[in-house]
Amino acid sequence: MKCLSVEFVTPDVSLEIKNVLSITSYTVDGEFMVLPGHENFIMELCSGVVKLTLDTKEIKVFYVLNPILKVTLYECKIIANQLINAYDVNIGMLKAYKEGIEKILHNINDKMLLEIAEKQLNFINNIKMHENIS
């Protein structure tokens, strides 16, 4: 059986994972799955969880912020502002980042920057539900 190759691309990192049987994620309409051989498309995903099921049956979970998914026959690319591997989360760093945003949030006057900061906090708080970050 053919598998997918999935590449995550962010401003900070590029990560490729091979031998992927399926990708599960979410859009505004709900959960969906991409399998090898899928028709080509590009779409916006919801910020949050992306699950990859490997040919070994292992499931890898990632959190992405503002992702765009590009699918071709056996390759997928997820371009996002931020990527966090759920099995390799630096809790201390994430807490410090969250606290830093919370400290400056009330001082942000620019509407666009405030919206970005609020999205970052929401993103971290969603991870908190799964990783017990307080």
Protein backbone atom coordinates (compact mmCIF):
# COMPACT_ATOMS: atom_id res chain seq x y z
CA MET A 1 0.00 0.00 0.00
CA LYS A 2 1.26 3.46 -0.87
CA CYS A 3 1.69 5.99 1.91
CA LEU A 4 1.73 9.76 2.21
CA SER A 5 4.69 11.98 2.87
CA VAL A 6 3.68 14.91 5.10
CA GLU A 7 5.74 18.07 5.45
CA PHE A 8 5.05 20.70 8.10
CA VAL A 9 6.46 24.14 7.28
CA THR A 10 6.54 27.08 9.71
CA PRO A 11 8.74 30.18 9.89
CA ASP A 12 10.89 28.33 12.46
CA VAL A 13 10.97 24.71 11.36
CA SER A 14 10.42 22.24 8.55
CA LEU A 15 9.54 18.66 9.48
CA GLU A 16 8.91 15.77 7.08
CA ILE A 17 7.19 12.55 8.12
CA LYS A 18 7.02 9.61 5.74
CA ASN A 19 4.95 6.42 5.69
CA VAL A 20 1.73 8.15 6.74
CA LEU A 21 -1.48 6.16 6.19
CA SER A 22 -3.86 9.00 7.02
CA ILE A 23 -4.12 12.61 8.17
CA THR A 24 -7.02 13.62 10.42
CA SER A 25 -7.75 17.27 11.13
CA TYR A 26 -10.55 19.81 11.35
CA THR A 27 -12.16 22.51 9.25
CA VAL A 28 -15.03 24.80 10.19
CA ASP A 29 -17.34 22.04 8.91
CA GLY A 30 -15.87 19.35 11.18
CA GLU A 31 -13.38 16.48 11.14
CA PHE A 32 -12.01 15.09 7.90
CA MET A 33 -9.40 12.57 6.78
CA VAL A 34 -6.93 12.48 3.89
CA LEU A 35 -5.76 9.11 2.54
CA PRO A 36 -3.03 8.27 0.00
CA GLY A 37 -4.14 8.90 -3.58
CA HIS A 38 -6.50 11.72 -2.63
CA GLU A 39 -7.44 14.28 -5.27
CA ASN A 40 -5.34 17.47 -5.31
CA PHE A 41 -6.62 20.42 -3.26
CA ILE A 42 -5.62 23.33 -1.04
CA MET A 43 -7.69 24.31 2.00
CA GLU A 44 -7.58 26.17 5.29
CA LEU A 45 -7.67 24.07 8.44
CA CYS A 46 -8.74 25.14 11.91
CA SER A 47 -5.96 25.87 14.36
CA GLY A 48 -5.57 22.86 16.60
CA VAL A 49 -4.92 19.15 16.27
CA VAL A 50 -3.49 17.29 13.27
CA LYS A 51 -3.21 13.50 13.74
CA LEU A 52 -0.99 11.38 11.53
CA THR A 53 -1.48 7.60 11.50
CA LEU A 54 1.73 5.88 10.39
CA ASP A 55 2.06 2.53 8.64
CA THR A 56 3.25 1.11 12.00
CA LYS A 57 -0.20 2.12 13.44
CA GLU A 58 1.56 4.73 15.61
CA ILE A 59 -0.39 8.00 15.88
CA LYS A 60 1.55 11.27 15.96
CA VAL A 61 -0.29 14.34 17.23
CA PHE A 62 0.66 17.91 16.37
CA TYR A 63 -0.84 21.29 17.20
CA VAL A 64 -0.77 23.87 14.41
CA LEU A 65 -1.68 27.55 14.34
CA ASN A 66 -3.40 29.03 11.25
CA PRO A 67 -2.66 26.04 8.99
CA ILE A 68 -3.11 25.68 5.24
CA LEU A 69 -3.14 22.14 3.81
CA LYS A 70 -1.94 21.35 0.28
CA VAL A 71 -2.64 17.81 -0.93
CA THR A 72 -1.27 16.08 -4.01
CA LEU A 73 -1.50 12.39 -4.87
CA TYR A 74 0.98 11.09 -2.25
CA GLU A 75 2.34 14.27 -0.68
CA CYS A 76 0.84 16.75 1.76
CA LYS A 77 2.22 20.03 2.97
CA ILE A 78 0.89 21.85 6.02
CA ILE A 79 2.02 25.45 6.18
CA ALA A 80 1.38 27.09 9.55
CA ASN A 81 2.47 29.94 11.79
CA GLN A 82 3.43 27.55 14.56
CA LEU A 83 3.89 23.80 15.07
CA ILE A 84 4.04 21.92 18.35
CA ASN A 85 4.72 18.20 18.55
CA ALA A 86 2.39 16.89 21.28
CA TYR A 87 4.95 14.27 22.34
CA ASP A 88 7.82 16.74 22.57
CA VAL A 89 6.31 19.78 24.31
CA ASN A 90 8.64 21.92 26.38
CA ILE A 91 6.12 22.75 29.11
CA GLY A 92 8.37 25.33 30.78
CA MET A 93 8.96 27.21 27.55
CA LEU A 94 5.26 27.14 26.67
CA LYS A 95 4.29 28.44 30.14
CA ALA A 96 6.84 31.27 29.90
CA TYR A 97 5.57 32.19 26.43
CA LYS A 98 1.97 32.23 27.68
CA GLU A 99 2.87 34.36 30.72
CA GLY A 100 4.77 36.79 28.51
CA ILE A 101 1.77 37.28 26.25
CA GLU A 102 -0.56 37.71 29.23
CA LYS A 103 1.72 40.40 30.72
CA ILE A 104 1.65 42.58 27.59
CA LEU A 105 -1.89 41.84 26.38
CA HIS A 106 -3.49 44.85 28.11
CA ASN A 107 -0.83 47.19 26.62
CA ILE A 108 -1.46 46.27 22.97
CA ASN A 109 -3.26 49.11 21.17
CA ASP A 110 -2.98 47.83 17.61
CA LYS A 111 -6.12 45.82 16.71
CA MET A 112 -4.27 43.36 14.45
CA LEU A 113 -1.50 42.69 16.98
CA LEU A 114 -4.08 42.22 19.73
CA GLU A 115 -5.94 39.69 17.60
CA ILE A 116 -2.69 37.79 16.93
CA ALA A 117 -1.81 37.75 20.64
CA GLU A 118 -5.30 36.52 21.56
CA LYS A 119 -5.07 33.74 18.95
CA GLN A 120 -1.71 32.68 20.39
CA LEU A 121 -3.20 32.51 23.90
CA ASN A 122 -6.20 30.56 22.67
CA PHE A 123 -3.86 28.18 20.84
CA ILE A 124 -1.78 27.61 24.00
CA ASN A 125 -4.90 27.18 26.13
CA ASN A 126 -6.17 24.48 23.76
CA ILE A 127 -2.87 22.65 24.15
CA LYS A 128 -3.25 23.10 27.91
CA MET A 129 -6.39 20.98 27.82
CA HIS A 130 -4.39 18.08 26.41
CA GLU A 131 -1.02 18.61 28.10
CA ASN A 132 -2.01 19.94 31.56
CA ILE A 133 -0.31 23.32 31.22
CA SER A 134 -1.57 25.83 33.77
